[in-house]
């Protein structure tokens, strides 16, 4: 989804980058990052918001809290085995669910341009 935001920003001439965030555990998240008016902005299509880079993690944390409250499950990337009876309601193990604490531990690992043969944007893109 971050590549969709990247493509649109590229089309608008904003020189976007893809930014990859990861925690010490297995939780990771990828977003589109652009610079405008001497400030970096994060476009998070998956979480459905745009924010300044400095507010990004707090907004994502708020989104995870909201989703948890309404019963949406976000996985943190931990491995697990599915072992359930089809007559029972399936419930994910707690250790695989992303928490606000997982978001707090995210750190920027890499930020890069999409270019060369992997560039998803060409003259016929739109």
PDB file of N, CA and C in Angstrom:
ATOM      1  N   UNK A   1       0.806  -1.181   0.000  1.00  0.00           N
ATOM      2  CA  UNK A   1       0.000   0.000   0.000  1.00  0.00           C
ATOM      3  C   UNK A   1       0.863   1.264   0.000  1.00  0.00           C
ATOM      4  N   UNK A   2       2.023   1.182   0.621  1.00  0.00           N
ATOM      5  CA  UNK A   2       2.901   2.352   0.633  1.00  0.00           C
ATOM      6  C   UNK A   2       3.369   2.702  -0.785  1.00  0.00           C
ATOM      7  N   UNK A   3       3.431   1.688  -1.650  1.00  0.00           N
ATOM      8  CA  UNK A   3       3.842   1.960  -3.033  1.00  0.00           C
ATOM      9  C   UNK A   3       2.775   2.728  -3.813  1.00  0.00           C
ATOM     10  N   UNK A   4       1.524   2.588  -3.423  1.00  0.00           N
ATOM     11  CA  UNK A   4       0.468   3.389  -4.056  1.00  0.00           C
ATOM     12  C   UNK A   4       0.680   4.857  -3.716  1.00  0.00           C
ATOM     13  N   UNK A   5       0.913   5.151  -2.438  1.00  0.00           N
ATOM     14  CA  UNK A   5       1.183   6.529  -2.027  1.00  0.00           C
ATOM     15  C   UNK A   5       2.451   7.042  -2.706  1.00  0.00           C
ATOM     16  N   UNK A   6       3.463   6.179  -2.798  1.00  0.00           N
ATOM     17  CA  UNK A   6       4.710   6.548  -3.466  1.00  0.00           C
ATOM     18  C   UNK A   6       4.443   6.957  -4.916  1.00  0.00           C
ATOM     19  N   UNK A   7       3.656   6.144  -5.626  1.00  0.00           N
ATOM     20  CA  UNK A   7       3.369   6.413  -7.035  1.00  0.00           C
ATOM     21  C   UNK A   7       2.645   7.741  -7.200  1.00  0.00           C
ATOM     22  N   UNK A   8       1.673   7.999  -6.356  1.00  0.00           N
ATOM     23  CA  UNK A   8       0.924   9.258  -6.455  1.00  0.00           C
ATOM     24  C   UNK A   8       1.810  10.456  -6.132  1.00  0.00           C
ATOM     25  N   UNK A   9       2.635  10.344  -5.114  1.00  0.00           N
ATOM     26  CA  UNK A   9       3.551  11.435  -4.762  1.00  0.00           C
ATOM     27  C   UNK A   9       4.578  11.659  -5.863  1.00  0.00           C
ATOM     28  N   UNK A  10       5.064  10.567  -6.443  1.00  0.00           N
ATOM     29  CA  UNK A  10       6.008  10.657  -7.550  1.00  0.00           C
ATOM     30  C   UNK A  10       5.366  11.398  -8.726  1.00  0.00           C
ATOM     31  N   UNK A  11       4.133  11.065  -9.022  1.00  0.00           N
ATOM     32  CA  UNK A  11       3.397  11.703 -10.115  1.00  0.00           C
ATOM     33  C   UNK A  11       3.267  13.211  -9.873  1.00  0.00           C
ATOM     34  N   UNK A  12       3.140  13.602  -8.601  1.00  0.00           N
ATOM     35  CA  UNK A  12       3.019  15.019  -8.245  1.00  0.00           C
ATOM     36  C   UNK A  12       4.369  15.721  -8.120  1.00  0.00           C
ATOM     37  N   UNK A  13       5.466  14.978  -8.344  1.00  0.00           N
ATOM     38  CA  UNK A  13       6.804  15.561  -8.298  1.00  0.00           C
ATOM     39  C   UNK A  13       7.329  15.809  -6.886  1.00  0.00           C
ATOM     40  N   UNK A  14       6.865  15.051  -5.911  1.00  0.00           N
ATOM     41  CA  UNK A  14       7.252  15.280  -4.519  1.00  0.00           C
ATOM     42  C   UNK A  14       8.516  14.544  -4.078  1.00  0.00           C
ATOM     43  N   UNK A  15       9.108  13.746  -4.935  1.00  0.00           N
ATOM     44  CA  UNK A  15      10.327  12.987  -4.617  1.00  0.00           C
ATOM     45  C   UNK A  15      10.159  12.146  -3.342  1.00  0.00           C
ATOM     46  N   UNK A  16       9.204  11.234  -3.352  1.00  0.00           N
ATOM     47  CA  UNK A  16       8.947  10.418  -2.162  1.00  0.00           C
ATOM     48  C   UNK A  16      10.004   9.345  -1.948  1.00  0.00           C
ATOM     49  N   UNK A  17       9.990   8.795  -0.755  1.00  0.00           N
ATOM     50  CA  UNK A  17      10.802   7.631  -0.412  1.00  0.00           C
ATOM     51  C   UNK A  17       9.893   6.633   0.284  1.00  0.00           C
ATOM     52  N   UNK A  18      10.281   5.383   0.211  1.00  0.00           N
ATOM     53  CA  UNK A  18       9.630   4.347   1.001  1.00  0.00           C
ATOM     54  C   UNK A  18      10.433   4.234   2.291  1.00  0.00           C
ATOM     55  N   UNK A  19       9.753   4.293   3.419  1.00  0.00           N
ATOM     56  CA  UNK A  19      10.427   4.173   4.711  1.00  0.00           C
ATOM     57  C   UNK A  19       9.964   2.897   5.398  1.00  0.00           C
ATOM     58  N   UNK A  20      10.927   2.167   5.919  1.00  0.00           N
ATOM     59  CA  UNK A  20      10.673   0.886   6.560  1.00  0.00           C
ATOM     60  C   UNK A  20      11.003   0.997   8.042  1.00  0.00           C
ATOM     61  N   UNK A  21      10.017   0.746   8.880  1.00  0.00           N
ATOM     62  CA  UNK A  21      10.179   0.781  10.333  1.00  0.00           C
ATOM     63  C   UNK A  21      10.105  -0.638  10.881  1.00  0.00           C
ATOM     64  N   UNK A  22      10.922  -0.920  11.890  1.00  0.00           N
ATOM     65  CA  UNK A  22      10.916  -2.254  12.495  1.00  0.00           C
ATOM     66  C   UNK A  22      11.217  -2.124  13.980  1.00  0.00           C
ATOM     67  N   UNK A  23      10.588  -3.007  14.774  1.00  0.00           N
ATOM     68  CA  UNK A  23      10.889  -3.058  16.205  1.00  0.00           C
ATOM     69  C   UNK A  23      11.988  -4.088  16.425  1.00  0.00           C
ATOM     70  N   UNK A  24      12.439  -4.206  17.667  1.00  0.00           N
ATOM     71  CA  UNK A  24      13.439  -5.230  17.987  1.00  0.00           C
ATOM     72  C   UNK A  24      12.856  -6.619  17.816  1.00  0.00           C
ATOM     73  N   UNK A  25      11.544  -6.727  17.939  1.00  0.00           N
ATOM     74  CA  UNK A  25      10.868  -8.001  17.727  1.00  0.00           C
ATOM     75  C   UNK A  25      10.589  -8.192  16.252  1.00  0.00           C
ATOM     76  N   UNK A  26       9.419  -8.684  15.946  1.00  0.00           N
ATOM     77  CA  UNK A  26       9.095  -8.994  14.555  1.00  0.00           C
ATOM     78  C   UNK A  26       8.117  -8.006  13.931  1.00  0.00           C
ATOM     79  N   UNK A  27       7.688  -6.988  14.684  1.00  0.00           N
ATOM     80  CA  UNK A  27       6.720  -6.027  14.159  1.00  0.00           C
ATOM     81  C   UNK A  27       7.416  -5.053  13.210  1.00  0.00           C
ATOM     82  N   UNK A  28       6.835  -4.860  12.018  1.00  0.00           N
ATOM     83  CA  UNK A  28       7.418  -3.955  11.025  1.00  0.00           C
ATOM     84  C   UNK A  28       6.296  -3.228  10.292  1.00  0.00           C
ATOM     85  N   UNK A  29       6.641  -2.087   9.712  1.00  0.00           N
ATOM     86  CA  UNK A  29       5.639  -1.289   9.008  1.00  0.00           C
ATOM     87  C   UNK A  29       6.340  -0.465   7.934  1.00  0.00           C
ATOM     88  N   UNK A  30       5.719  -0.358   6.762  1.00  0.00           N
ATOM     89  CA  UNK A  30       6.285   0.382   5.637  1.00  0.00           C
ATOM     90  C   UNK A  30       5.327   1.498   5.230  1.00  0.00           C
ATOM     91  N   UNK A  31       5.875   2.696   5.000  1.00  0.00           N
ATOM     92  CA  UNK A  31       5.075   3.870   4.662  1.00  0.00           C
ATOM     93  C   UNK A  31       5.759   4.680   3.565  1.00  0.00           C
ATOM     94  N   UNK A  32       5.058   5.672   3.083  1.00  0.00           N
ATOM     95  CA  UNK A  32       5.635   6.617   2.120  1.00  0.00           C
ATOM     96  C   UNK A  32       6.027   7.882   2.887  1.00  0.00           C
ATOM     97  N   UNK A  33       7.218   8.406   2.585  1.00  0.00           N
ATOM     98  CA  UNK A  33       7.746   9.584   3.282  1.00  0.00           C
ATOM     99  C   UNK A  33       8.073  10.661   2.244  1.00  0.00           C
ATOM    100  N   UNK A  34       7.555  11.876   2.469  1.00  0.00           N
ATOM    101  CA  UNK A  34       7.838  12.985   1.555  1.00  0.00           C
ATOM    102  C   UNK A  34       8.258  14.215   2.354  1.00  0.00           C
ATOM    103  N   UNK A  35       9.027  15.067   1.694  1.00  0.00           N
ATOM    104  CA  UNK A  35       9.443  16.314   2.326  1.00  0.00           C
ATOM    105  C   UNK A  35       8.725  17.463   1.635  1.00  0.00           C
ATOM    106  N   UNK A  36       8.083  18.304   2.431  1.00  0.00           N
ATOM    107  CA  UNK A  36       7.408  19.495   1.907  1.00  0.00           C
ATOM    108  C   UNK A  36       7.559  20.609   2.943  1.00  0.00           C
ATOM    109  N   UNK A  37       7.843  21.798   2.471  1.00  0.00           N
ATOM    110  CA  UNK A  37       8.006  22.953   3.371  1.00  0.00           C
ATOM    111  C   UNK A  37       9.011  22.668   4.490  1.00  0.00           C
ATOM    112  N   UNK A  38      10.126  22.040   4.124  1.00  0.00           N
ATOM    113  CA  UNK A  38      11.213  21.719   5.062  1.00  0.00           C
ATOM    114  C   UNK A  38      10.801  20.804   6.210  1.00  0.00           C
ATOM    115  N   UNK A  39       9.755  20.026   6.014  1.00  0.00           N
ATOM    116  CA  UNK A  39       9.323  19.075   7.033  1.00  0.00           C
ATOM    117  C   UNK A  39       8.970  17.758   6.352  1.00  0.00           C
ATOM    118  N   UNK A  40       9.274  16.644   7.037  1.00  0.00           N
ATOM    119  CA  UNK A  40       8.930  15.335   6.498  1.00  0.00           C
ATOM    120  C   UNK A  40       7.524  14.936   6.934  1.00  0.00           C
ATOM    121  N   UNK A  41       6.808  14.329   5.981  1.00  0.00           N
ATOM    122  CA  UNK A  41       5.458  13.833   6.233  1.00  0.00           C
ATOM    123  C   UNK A  41       5.409  12.340   5.927  1.00  0.00           C
ATOM    124  N   UNK A  42       4.606  11.639   6.687  1.00  0.00           N
ATOM    125  CA  UNK A  42       4.395  10.213   6.496  1.00  0.00           C
ATOM    126  C   UNK A  42       2.990  10.009   5.949  1.00  0.00           C
ATOM    127  N   UNK A  43       2.904   9.270   4.853  1.00  0.00           N
ATOM    128  CA  UNK A  43       1.617   8.889   4.287  1.00  0.00           C
ATOM    129  C   UNK A  43       1.460   7.404   4.551  1.00  0.00           C
ATOM    130  N   UNK A  44       0.534   7.090   5.432  1.00  0.00           N
ATOM    131  CA  UNK A  44       0.298   5.710   5.823  1.00  0.00           C
ATOM    132  C   UNK A  44      -1.061   5.277   5.284  1.00  0.00           C
ATOM    133  N   UNK A  45      -1.054   4.721   4.093  1.00  0.00           N
ATOM    134  CA  UNK A  45      -2.289   4.316   3.434  1.00  0.00           C
ATOM    135  C   UNK A  45      -2.962   3.192   4.219  1.00  0.00           C
ATOM    136  N   UNK A  46      -2.197   2.270   4.730  1.00  0.00           N
ATOM    137  CA  UNK A  46      -2.735   1.135   5.476  1.00  0.00           C
ATOM    138  C   UNK A  46      -3.520   1.602   6.701  1.00  0.00           C
ATOM    139  N   UNK A  47      -2.960   2.562   7.460  1.00  0.00           N
ATOM    140  CA  UNK A  47      -3.625   3.065   8.661  1.00  0.00           C
ATOM    141  C   UNK A  47      -4.540   4.255   8.361  1.00  0.00           C
ATOM    142  N   UNK A  48      -4.522   4.712   7.114  1.00  0.00           N
ATOM    143  CA  UNK A  48      -5.430   5.757   6.642  1.00  0.00           C
ATOM    144  C   UNK A  48      -5.202   7.111   7.314  1.00  0.00           C
ATOM    145  N   UNK A  49      -3.931   7.564   7.297  1.00  0.00           N
ATOM    146  CA  UNK A  49      -3.671   8.923   7.774  1.00  0.00           C
ATOM    147  C   UNK A  49      -2.380   9.468   7.175  1.00  0.00           C
ATOM    148  N   UNK A  50      -2.271  10.783   7.247  1.00  0.00           N
ATOM    149  CA  UNK A  50      -1.055  11.514   6.880  1.00  0.00           C
ATOM    150  C   UNK A  50      -0.676  12.324   8.106  1.00  0.00           C
ATOM    151  N   UNK A  51       0.616  12.342   8.429  1.00  0.00           N
ATOM    152  CA  UNK A  51       1.047  13.118   9.591  1.00  0.00           C
ATOM    153  C   UNK A  51       2.471  13.607   9.378  1.00  0.00           C
ATOM    154  N   UNK A  52       2.876  14.514  10.234  1.00  0.00           N
ATOM    155  CA  UNK A  52       4.286  14.883  10.236  1.00  0.00           C
ATOM    156  C   UNK A  52       5.065  13.674  10.746  1.00  0.00           C
ATOM    157  N   UNK A  53       6.321  13.615  10.364  1.00  0.00           N
ATOM    158  CA  UNK A  53       7.136  12.481  10.790  1.00  0.00           C
ATOM    159  C   UNK A  53       7.228  12.407  12.320  1.00  0.00           C
ATOM    160  N   UNK A  54       7.321  13.558  12.956  1.00  0.00           N
ATOM    161  CA  UNK A  54       7.453  13.552  14.424  1.00  0.00           C
ATOM    162  C   UNK A  54       6.194  13.042  15.117  1.00  0.00           C
ATOM    163  N   UNK A  55       5.025  13.157  14.494  1.00  0.00           N
ATOM    164  CA  UNK A  55       3.773  12.683  15.088  1.00  0.00           C
ATOM    165  C   UNK A  55       3.370  11.289  14.620  1.00  0.00           C
ATOM    166  N   UNK A  56       4.132  10.722  13.705  1.00  0.00           N
ATOM    167  CA  UNK A  56       3.751   9.461  13.073  1.00  0.00           C
ATOM    168  C   UNK A  56       3.523   8.319  14.064  1.00  0.00           C
ATOM    169  N   UNK A  57       4.496   8.047  14.923  1.00  0.00           N
ATOM    170  CA  UNK A  57       4.366   6.901  15.823  1.00  0.00           C
ATOM    171  C   UNK A  57       3.223   7.076  16.821  1.00  0.00           C
ATOM    172  N   UNK A  58       3.005   8.293  17.303  1.00  0.00           N
ATOM    173  CA  UNK A  58       1.890   8.492  18.245  1.00  0.00           C
ATOM    174  C   UNK A  58       0.549   8.311  17.546  1.00  0.00           C
ATOM    175  N   UNK A  59       0.445   8.746  16.283  1.00  0.00           N
ATOM    176  CA  UNK A  59      -0.807   8.540  15.542  1.00  0.00           C
ATOM    177  C   UNK A  59      -1.031   7.059  15.240  1.00  0.00           C
ATOM    178  N   UNK A  60       0.033   6.349  14.875  1.00  0.00           N
ATOM    179  CA  UNK A  60      -0.101   4.921  14.609  1.00  0.00           C
ATOM    180  C   UNK A  60      -0.462   4.175  15.895  1.00  0.00           C
ATOM    181  N   UNK A  61       0.129   4.567  16.986  1.00  0.00           N
ATOM    182  CA  UNK A  61      -0.180   3.959  18.283  1.00  0.00           C
ATOM    183  C   UNK A  61      -1.664   4.171  18.618  1.00  0.00           C
ATOM    184  N   UNK A  62      -2.165   5.379  18.400  1.00  0.00           N
ATOM    185  CA  UNK A  62      -3.587   5.673  18.650  1.00  0.00           C
ATOM    186  C   UNK A  62      -4.485   4.817  17.770  1.00  0.00           C
ATOM    187  N   UNK A  63      -4.065   4.610  16.536  1.00  0.00           N
ATOM    188  CA  UNK A  63      -4.847   3.796  15.607  1.00  0.00           C
ATOM    189  C   UNK A  63      -4.899   2.342  16.078  1.00  0.00           C
ATOM    190  N   UNK A  64      -3.770   1.804  16.529  1.00  0.00           N
ATOM    191  CA  UNK A  64      -3.733   0.420  17.030  1.00  0.00           C
ATOM    192  C   UNK A  64      -4.635   0.290  18.260  1.00  0.00           C
ATOM    193  N   UNK A  65      -4.595   1.272  19.149  1.00  0.00           N
ATOM    194  CA  UNK A  65      -5.458   1.253  20.338  1.00  0.00           C
ATOM    195  C   UNK A  65      -6.923   1.229  19.911  1.00  0.00           C
ATOM    196  N   UNK A  66      -7.282   2.098  18.966  1.00  0.00           N
ATOM    197  CA  UNK A  66      -8.666   2.156  18.484  1.00  0.00           C
ATOM    198  C   UNK A  66      -9.078   0.818  17.871  1.00  0.00           C
ATOM    199  N   UNK A  67      -8.212   0.265  17.027  1.00  0.00           N
ATOM    200  CA  UNK A  67      -8.533  -1.007  16.385  1.00  0.00           C
ATOM    201  C   UNK A  67      -8.688  -2.122  17.414  1.00  0.00           C
ATOM    202  N   UNK A  68      -7.804  -2.156  18.409  1.00  0.00           N
ATOM    203  CA  UNK A  68      -7.911  -3.171  19.466  1.00  0.00           C
ATOM    204  C   UNK A  68      -9.249  -3.047  20.201  1.00  0.00           C
ATOM    205  N   UNK A  69      -9.680  -1.807  20.459  1.00  0.00           N
ATOM    206  CA  UNK A  69     -10.929  -1.580  21.186  1.00  0.00           C
ATOM    207  C   UNK A  69     -12.152  -2.078  20.418  1.00  0.00           C
ATOM    208  N   UNK A  70     -12.095  -2.015  19.095  1.00  0.00           N
ATOM    209  CA  UNK A  70     -13.262  -2.453  18.311  1.00  0.00           C
ATOM    210  C   UNK A  70     -13.104  -3.878  17.779  1.00  0.00           C
ATOM    211  N   UNK A  71     -12.061  -4.565  18.222  1.00  0.00           N
ATOM    212  CA  UNK A  71     -11.903  -5.977  17.882  1.00  0.00           C
ATOM    213  C   UNK A  71     -11.168  -6.269  16.589  1.00  0.00           C
ATOM    214  N   UNK A  72     -10.525  -5.257  15.986  1.00  0.00           N
ATOM    215  CA  UNK A  72      -9.686  -5.525  14.812  1.00  0.00           C
ATOM    216  C   UNK A  72      -8.354  -6.082  15.294  1.00  0.00           C
ATOM    217  N   UNK A  73      -7.880  -7.101  14.622  1.00  0.00           N
ATOM    218  CA  UNK A  73      -6.612  -7.713  14.999  1.00  0.00           C
ATOM    219  C   UNK A  73      -5.521  -7.335  14.012  1.00  0.00           C
ATOM    220  N   UNK A  74      -4.436  -6.798  14.524  1.00  0.00           N
ATOM    221  CA  UNK A  74      -3.247  -6.506  13.729  1.00  0.00           C
ATOM    222  C   UNK A  74      -2.165  -7.443  14.231  1.00  0.00           C
ATOM    223  N   UNK A  75      -1.578  -8.198  13.309  1.00  0.00           N
ATOM    224  CA  UNK A  75      -0.540  -9.148  13.700  1.00  0.00           C
ATOM    225  C   UNK A  75       0.810  -8.454  13.798  1.00  0.00           C
ATOM    226  N   UNK A  76       1.615  -8.919  14.740  1.00  0.00           N
ATOM    227  CA  UNK A  76       2.929  -8.310  14.935  1.00  0.00           C
ATOM    228  C   UNK A  76       4.047  -9.039  14.190  1.00  0.00           C
ATOM    229  N   UNK A  77       3.715 -10.089  13.461  1.00  0.00           N
ATOM    230  CA  UNK A  77       4.721 -10.809  12.683  1.00  0.00           C
ATOM    231  C   UNK A  77       5.279 -12.039  13.372  1.00  0.00           C
ATOM    232  N   UNK A  78       4.888 -12.278  14.623  1.00  0.00           N
ATOM    233  CA  UNK A  78       5.376 -13.466  15.329  1.00  0.00           C
ATOM    234  C   UNK A  78       4.761 -14.721  14.714  1.00  0.00           C
ATOM    235  N   UNK A  79       5.532 -15.784  14.722  1.00  0.00           N
ATOM    236  CA  UNK A  79       5.049 -17.054  14.162  1.00  0.00           C
ATOM    237  C   UNK A  79       4.114 -17.749  15.142  1.00  0.00           C
ATOM    238  N   UNK A  80       3.151 -18.483  14.584  1.00  0.00           N
ATOM    239  CA  UNK A  80       2.259 -19.292  15.408  1.00  0.00           C
ATOM    240  C   UNK A  80       1.657 -20.386  14.549  1.00  0.00           C
ATOM    241  N   UNK A  81       1.194 -21.415  15.210  1.00  0.00           N
ATOM    242  CA  UNK A  81       0.550 -22.526  14.507  1.00  0.00           C
ATOM    243  C   UNK A  81      -0.948 -22.453  14.738  1.00  0.00           C
ATOM    244  N   UNK A  82      -1.696 -22.765  13.705  1.00  0.00           N
ATOM    245  CA  UNK A  82      -3.147 -22.804  13.835  1.00  0.00           C
ATOM    246  C   UNK A  82      -3.532 -24.204  14.280  1.00  0.00           C
ATOM    247  N   UNK A  83      -4.131 -24.261  15.453  1.00  0.00           N
ATOM    248  CA  UNK A  83      -4.554 -25.538  16.004  1.00  0.00           C
ATOM    249  C   UNK A  83      -5.905 -25.321  16.678  1.00  0.00           C
ATOM    250  N   UNK A  84      -6.983 -25.550  15.941  1.00  0.00           N
ATOM    251  CA  UNK A  84      -8.304 -25.327  16.501  1.00  0.00           C
ATOM    252  C   UNK A  84      -9.308 -26.306  15.904  1.00  0.00           C
ATOM    253  N   UNK A  85     -10.356 -26.470  16.622  1.00  0.00           N
ATOM    254  CA  UNK A  85     -11.457 -27.327  16.201  1.00  0.00           C
ATOM    255  C   UNK A  85     -12.420 -26.478  15.374  1.00  0.00           C
ATOM    256  N   UNK A  86     -12.831 -26.970  14.220  1.00  0.00           N
ATOM    257  CA  UNK A  86     -13.710 -26.195  13.352  1.00  0.00           C
ATOM    258  C   UNK A  86     -15.046 -25.861  14.007  1.00  0.00           C
ATOM    259  N   UNK A  87     -15.416 -26.582  15.053  1.00  0.00           N
ATOM    260  CA  UNK A  87     -16.662 -26.291  15.757  1.00  0.00           C
ATOM    261  C   UNK A  87     -16.495 -25.154  16.764  1.00  0.00           C
ATOM    262  N   UNK A  88     -15.239 -24.783  17.038  1.00  0.00           N
ATOM    263  CA  UNK A  88     -14.968 -23.699  17.981  1.00  0.00           C
ATOM    264  C   UNK A  88     -14.654 -22.419  17.227  1.00  0.00           C
ATOM    265  N   UNK A  89     -14.898 -21.293  17.867  1.00  0.00           N
ATOM    266  CA  UNK A  89     -14.536 -20.008  17.273  1.00  0.00           C
ATOM    267  C   UNK A  89     -13.017 -19.837  17.377  1.00  0.00           C
ATOM    268  N   UNK A  90     -12.378 -19.529  16.248  1.00  0.00           N
ATOM    269  CA  UNK A  90     -10.926 -19.367  16.232  1.00  0.00           C
ATOM    270  C   UNK A  90     -10.536 -18.060  16.910  1.00  0.00           C
ATOM    271  N   UNK A  91      -9.523 -18.122  17.745  1.00  0.00           N
ATOM    272  CA  UNK A  91      -9.013 -16.942  18.415  1.00  0.00           C
ATOM    273  C   UNK A  91      -7.502 -16.921  18.260  1.00  0.00           C
ATOM    274  N   UNK A  92      -6.969 -15.793  17.837  1.00  0.00           N
ATOM    275  CA  UNK A  92      -5.517 -15.664  17.679  1.00  0.00           C
ATOM    276  C   UNK A  92      -4.827 -15.671  19.040  1.00  0.00           C
ATOM    277  N   UNK A  93      -3.653 -16.296  19.123  1.00  0.00           N
ATOM    278  CA  UNK A  93      -2.894 -16.241  20.372  1.00  0.00           C
ATOM    279  C   UNK A  93      -2.477 -14.803  20.665  1.00  0.00           C
ATOM    280  N   UNK A  94      -2.502 -14.408  21.923  1.00  0.00           N
ATOM    281  CA  UNK A  94      -2.188 -13.020  22.292  1.00  0.00           C
ATOM    282  C   UNK A  94      -0.785 -12.587  21.866  1.00  0.00           C
ATOM    283  N   UNK A  95       0.164 -13.517  21.864  1.00  0.00           N
ATOM    284  CA  UNK A  95       1.544 -13.122  21.562  1.00  0.00           C
ATOM    285  C   UNK A  95       1.740 -12.694  20.102  1.00  0.00           C
ATOM    286  N   UNK A  96       0.768 -12.920  19.230  1.00  0.00           N
ATOM    287  CA  UNK A  96       0.922 -12.529  17.824  1.00  0.00           C
ATOM    288  C   UNK A  96       0.198 -11.227  17.499  1.00  0.00           C
ATOM    289  N   UNK A  97      -0.509 -10.657  18.465  1.00  0.00           N
ATOM    290  CA  UNK A  97      -1.251  -9.425  18.227  1.00  0.00           C
ATOM    291  C   UNK A  97      -0.376  -8.203  18.487  1.00  0.00           C
ATOM    292  N   UNK A  98      -0.415  -7.248  17.557  1.00  0.00           N
ATOM    293  CA  UNK A  98       0.341  -6.012  17.734  1.00  0.00           C
ATOM    294  C   UNK A  98      -0.291  -5.194  18.859  1.00  0.00           C
ATOM    295  N   UNK A  99       0.559  -4.583  19.652  1.00  0.00           N
ATOM    296  CA  UNK A  99       0.104  -3.763  20.769  1.00  0.00           C
ATOM    297  C   UNK A  99       0.616  -2.336  20.580  1.00  0.00           C
ATOM    298  N   UNK A 100       0.063  -1.381  21.314  1.00  0.00           N
ATOM    299  CA  UNK A 100       0.616  -0.025  21.258  1.00  0.00           C
ATOM    300  C   UNK A 100       2.100   0.000  21.627  1.00  0.00           C
ATOM    301  N   UNK A 101       2.509  -0.903  22.512  1.00  0.00           N
ATOM    302  CA  UNK A 101       3.919  -0.985  22.889  1.00  0.00           C
ATOM    303  C   UNK A 101       4.790  -1.395  21.696  1.00  0.00           C
ATOM    304  N   UNK A 102       4.269  -2.292  20.845  1.00  0.00           N
ATOM    305  CA  UNK A 102       5.002  -2.672  19.627  1.00  0.00           C
ATOM    306  C   UNK A 102       5.252  -1.456  18.748  1.00  0.00           C
ATOM    307  N   UNK A 103       4.247  -0.602  18.627  1.00  0.00           N
ATOM    308  CA  UNK A 103       4.382   0.613  17.811  1.00  0.00           C
ATOM    309  C   UNK A 103       5.420   1.546  18.418  1.00  0.00           C
ATOM    310  N   UNK A 104       5.408   1.685  19.741  1.00  0.00           N
ATOM    311  CA  UNK A 104       6.367   2.568  20.414  1.00  0.00           C
ATOM    312  C   UNK A 104       7.812   2.150  20.163  1.00  0.00           C
ATOM    313  N   UNK A 105       8.027   0.877  19.896  1.00  0.00           N
ATOM    314  CA  UNK A 105       9.379   0.355  19.695  1.00  0.00           C
ATOM    315  C   UNK A 105       9.848   0.414  18.243  1.00  0.00           C
ATOM    316  N   UNK A 106       8.976   0.882  17.338  1.00  0.00           N
ATOM    317  CA  UNK A 106       9.382   0.966  15.932  1.00  0.00           C
ATOM    318  C   UNK A 106      10.478   2.005  15.750  1.00  0.00           C
ATOM    319  N   UNK A 107      11.459   1.666  14.947  1.00  0.00           N
ATOM    320  CA  UNK A 107      12.565   2.575  14.593  1.00  0.00           C
ATOM    321  C   UNK A 107      12.714   2.577  13.082  1.00  0.00           C
ATOM    322  N   UNK A 108      13.068   3.728  12.521  1.00  0.00           N
ATOM    323  CA  UNK A 108      13.317   3.825  11.086  1.00  0.00           C
ATOM    324  C   UNK A 108      14.561   3.019  10.751  1.00  0.00           C
ATOM    325  N   UNK A 109      14.398   2.022   9.877  1.00  0.00           N
ATOM    326  CA  UNK A 109      15.504   1.148   9.494  1.00  0.00           C
ATOM    327  C   UNK A 109      16.095   1.597   8.166  1.00  0.00           C
ATOM    328  N   UNK A 110      15.231   1.972   7.235  1.00  0.00           N
ATOM    329  CA  UNK A 110      15.693   2.291   5.888  1.00  0.00           C
ATOM    330  C   UNK A 110      14.686   3.213   5.219  1.00  0.00           C
ATOM    331  N   UNK A 111      15.190   4.115   4.385  1.00  0.00           N
ATOM    332  CA  UNK A 111      14.343   4.988   3.593  1.00  0.00           C
ATOM    333  C   UNK A 111      14.991   5.091   2.219  1.00  0.00           C
ATOM    334  N   UNK A 112      14.238   4.774   1.172  1.00  0.00           N
ATOM    335  CA  UNK A 112      14.861   4.673  -0.145  1.00  0.00           C
ATOM    336  C   UNK A 112      13.897   5.087  -1.256  1.00  0.00           C
ATOM    337  N   UNK A 113      14.496   5.484  -2.372  1.00  0.00           N
ATOM    338  CA  UNK A 113      13.741   5.757  -3.588  1.00  0.00           C
ATOM    339  C   UNK A 113      13.474   4.440  -4.298  1.00  0.00           C
ATOM    340  N   UNK A 114      12.342   4.331  -4.956  1.00  0.00           N
ATOM    341  CA  UNK A 114      12.062   3.186  -5.822  1.00  0.00           C
ATOM    342  C   UNK A 114      12.507   3.621  -7.206  1.00  0.00           C
ATOM    343  N   UNK A 115      13.505   2.926  -7.756  1.00  0.00           N
ATOM    344  CA  UNK A 115      13.985   3.348  -9.074  1.00  0.00           C
ATOM    345  C   UNK A 115      14.490   2.165  -9.877  1.00  0.00           C
ATOM    346  N   UNK A 116      14.980   2.464 -11.063  1.00  0.00           N
ATOM    347  CA  UNK A 116      15.513   1.417 -11.929  1.00  0.00           C
ATOM    348  C   UNK A 116      14.418   0.491 -12.418  1.00  0.00           C
ATOM    349  N   UNK A 117      14.748  -0.766 -12.636  1.00  0.00           N
ATOM    350  CA  UNK A 117      13.785  -1.709 -13.191  1.00  0.00           C
ATOM    351  C   UNK A 117      12.658  -2.031 -12.221  1.00  0.00           C
ATOM    352  N   UNK A 118      12.833  -1.694 -10.928  1.00  0.00           N
ATOM    353  CA  UNK A 118      11.777  -1.939  -9.947  1.00  0.00           C
ATOM    354  C   UNK A 118      10.834  -0.752  -9.797  1.00  0.00           C
ATOM    355  N   UNK A 119      11.082   0.323 -10.547  1.00  0.00           N
ATOM    356  CA  UNK A 119      10.242   1.499 -10.417  1.00  0.00           C
ATOM    357  C   UNK A 119       8.832   1.172 -10.910  1.00  0.00           C
ATOM    358  N   UNK A 120       7.850   1.407 -10.068  1.00  0.00           N
ATOM    359  CA  UNK A 120       6.469   1.094 -10.435  1.00  0.00           C
ATOM    360  C   UNK A 120       5.815   2.216 -11.223  1.00  0.00           C
ATOM    361  N   UNK A 121       6.517   3.340 -11.353  1.00  0.00           N
ATOM    362  CA  UNK A 121       5.929   4.500 -12.014  1.00  0.00           C
ATOM    363  C   UNK A 121       6.579   4.686 -13.377  1.00  0.00           C
ATOM    364  N   UNK A 122       5.763   4.685 -14.432  1.00  0.00           N
ATOM    365  CA  UNK A 122       6.266   5.032 -15.753  1.00  0.00           C
ATOM    366  C   UNK A 122       5.271   5.984 -16.417  1.00  0.00           C
ATOM    367  N   UNK A 123       5.542   6.384 -17.631  1.00  0.00           N
ATOM    368  CA  UNK A 123       4.684   7.352 -18.313  1.00  0.00           C
ATOM    369  C   UNK A 123       3.250   6.900 -18.451  1.00  0.00           C
ATOM    370  N   UNK A 124       3.016   5.610 -18.501  1.00  0.00           N
ATOM    371  CA  UNK A 124       1.666   5.084 -18.684  1.00  0.00           C
ATOM    372  C   UNK A 124       0.978   4.704 -17.374  1.00  0.00           C
ATOM    373  N   UNK A 125       1.567   5.044 -16.245  1.00  0.00           N
ATOM    374  CA  UNK A 125       1.041   4.602 -14.959  1.00  0.00           C
ATOM    375  C   UNK A 125      -0.386   5.103 -14.709  1.00  0.00           C
ATOM    376  N   UNK A 126      -0.639   6.386 -15.004  1.00  0.00           N
ATOM    377  CA  UNK A 126      -1.980   6.963 -14.756  1.00  0.00           C
ATOM    378  C   UNK A 126      -2.705   7.189 -16.062  1.00  0.00           C
TER     379      UNK A 126
END
